[in-house]
């Protein structure tokens, strides 16, 4: 009897979990892009718009989800970040425009 109750409860929880994943499938699919894009854009803004040192900006954009690759090209004022299999770049466009994702 107790085993049946546990199996029924587990089944209901699995159905609820899969239903939630189905409802949020678009947001869950976009999540890997958000990590690298956010890091590139915010680091670029911290470094080139606010003109903070590199060490400060690395701490400013640090997240709980790790990034796999980080490349700063100071002469082009471009930041490229890879994480969760996706890569994004941000570049400083000028004093009036700030940084923009490419």
Protein backbone atom coordinates (compact mmCIF):
# COMPACT_ATOMS: atom_id res chain seq x y z
CA UNK A 1 0.00 0.00 0.00
CA UNK A 2 2.74 2.43 0.96
CA UNK A 3 4.68 1.58 -2.19
CA UNK A 4 1.66 2.39 -4.38
CA UNK A 5 1.26 5.79 -2.75
CA UNK A 6 4.94 6.62 -3.32
CA UNK A 7 4.77 5.49 -6.97
CA UNK A 8 1.61 7.53 -7.54
CA UNK A 9 3.22 10.61 -5.93
CA UNK A 10 6.38 10.16 -7.99
CA UNK A 11 4.30 9.81 -11.17
CA UNK A 12 2.39 13.01 -10.42
CA UNK A 13 5.64 14.87 -9.74
CA UNK A 14 7.18 13.65 -13.01
CA UNK A 15 4.11 14.70 -15.00
CA UNK A 16 4.20 18.11 -13.31
CA UNK A 17 7.92 18.49 -14.07
CA UNK A 18 7.54 17.54 -17.73
CA UNK A 19 4.53 19.85 -18.05
CA UNK A 20 6.52 22.76 -16.63
CA UNK A 21 9.45 22.03 -18.98
CA UNK A 22 7.05 21.95 -21.94
CA UNK A 23 5.49 25.28 -20.96
CA UNK A 24 8.89 26.93 -20.48
CA UNK A 25 10.61 25.33 -23.48
CA UNK A 26 11.23 28.64 -25.28
CA UNK A 27 12.82 30.28 -22.23
CA UNK A 28 14.88 27.18 -21.45
CA UNK A 29 16.15 27.06 -25.03
CA UNK A 30 17.25 30.73 -24.82
CA UNK A 31 19.09 30.33 -21.50
CA UNK A 32 22.50 29.28 -22.94
CA UNK A 33 22.60 32.43 -25.10
CA UNK A 34 21.85 34.66 -22.14
CA UNK A 35 24.95 33.62 -20.19
CA UNK A 36 27.56 34.53 -22.81
CA UNK A 37 25.69 37.57 -24.17
CA UNK A 38 25.17 39.08 -20.70
CA UNK A 39 28.80 38.53 -19.73
CA UNK A 40 30.18 40.05 -22.96
CA UNK A 41 27.89 43.10 -22.88
CA UNK A 42 28.26 43.87 -19.18
CA UNK A 43 32.04 43.37 -19.17
CA UNK A 44 32.37 45.65 -22.20
CA UNK A 45 30.29 48.33 -20.48
CA UNK A 46 32.20 47.98 -17.23
CA UNK A 47 35.57 48.12 -18.94
CA UNK A 48 35.10 50.70 -21.70
CA UNK A 49 32.10 52.82 -20.71
CA UNK A 50 32.69 53.02 -16.95
CA UNK A 51 36.49 52.62 -17.43
CA UNK A 52 37.04 50.22 -14.52
CA UNK A 53 40.12 47.95 -14.33
CA UNK A 54 39.92 44.44 -15.79
CA UNK A 55 40.07 42.68 -12.39
CA UNK A 56 37.10 44.66 -11.11
CA UNK A 57 35.05 43.94 -14.23
CA UNK A 58 35.77 40.20 -14.08
CA UNK A 59 34.33 40.16 -10.57
CA UNK A 60 31.41 42.35 -11.63
CA UNK A 61 30.22 39.93 -14.34
CA UNK A 62 31.00 36.69 -12.50
CA UNK A 63 28.01 34.32 -12.42
CA UNK A 64 27.19 31.00 -10.86
CA UNK A 65 27.17 29.40 -14.32
CA UNK A 66 30.80 29.24 -15.48
CA UNK A 67 31.98 30.49 -18.87
CA UNK A 68 34.33 28.34 -20.92
CA UNK A 69 36.26 30.99 -22.87
CA UNK A 70 36.90 34.73 -22.47
CA UNK A 71 38.81 36.87 -24.95
CA UNK A 72 39.40 40.60 -24.63
CA UNK A 73 40.87 42.46 -27.61
CA UNK A 74 41.84 45.86 -26.16
CA UNK A 75 42.88 47.50 -29.45
CA UNK A 76 39.47 46.68 -31.04
CA UNK A 77 37.67 47.15 -27.69
CA UNK A 78 35.90 43.84 -28.27
CA UNK A 79 34.95 41.12 -25.79
CA UNK A 80 34.15 37.56 -26.88
CA UNK A 81 32.68 35.12 -24.35
CA UNK A 82 31.74 31.46 -24.73
CA UNK A 83 29.62 29.51 -22.31
CA UNK A 84 27.21 26.59 -22.43
CA UNK A 85 28.17 25.97 -26.06
CA UNK A 86 27.30 29.48 -27.30
CA UNK A 87 29.57 32.41 -28.10
CA UNK A 88 28.78 36.15 -28.20
CA UNK A 89 30.81 39.29 -28.77
CA UNK A 90 30.32 42.87 -27.65
CA UNK A 91 32.19 45.87 -28.97
CA UNK A 92 32.56 49.43 -27.76
CA UNK A 93 30.96 51.63 -30.42
CA UNK A 94 31.90 55.04 -29.01
CA UNK A 95 31.21 57.46 -26.19
CA UNK A 96 27.62 58.13 -27.26
CA UNK A 97 26.63 54.57 -28.20
CA UNK A 98 28.47 52.57 -25.54
CA UNK A 99 28.77 48.81 -26.08
CA UNK A 100 26.69 46.72 -28.46
CA UNK A 101 26.33 42.98 -28.98
CA UNK A 102 27.47 41.80 -32.37
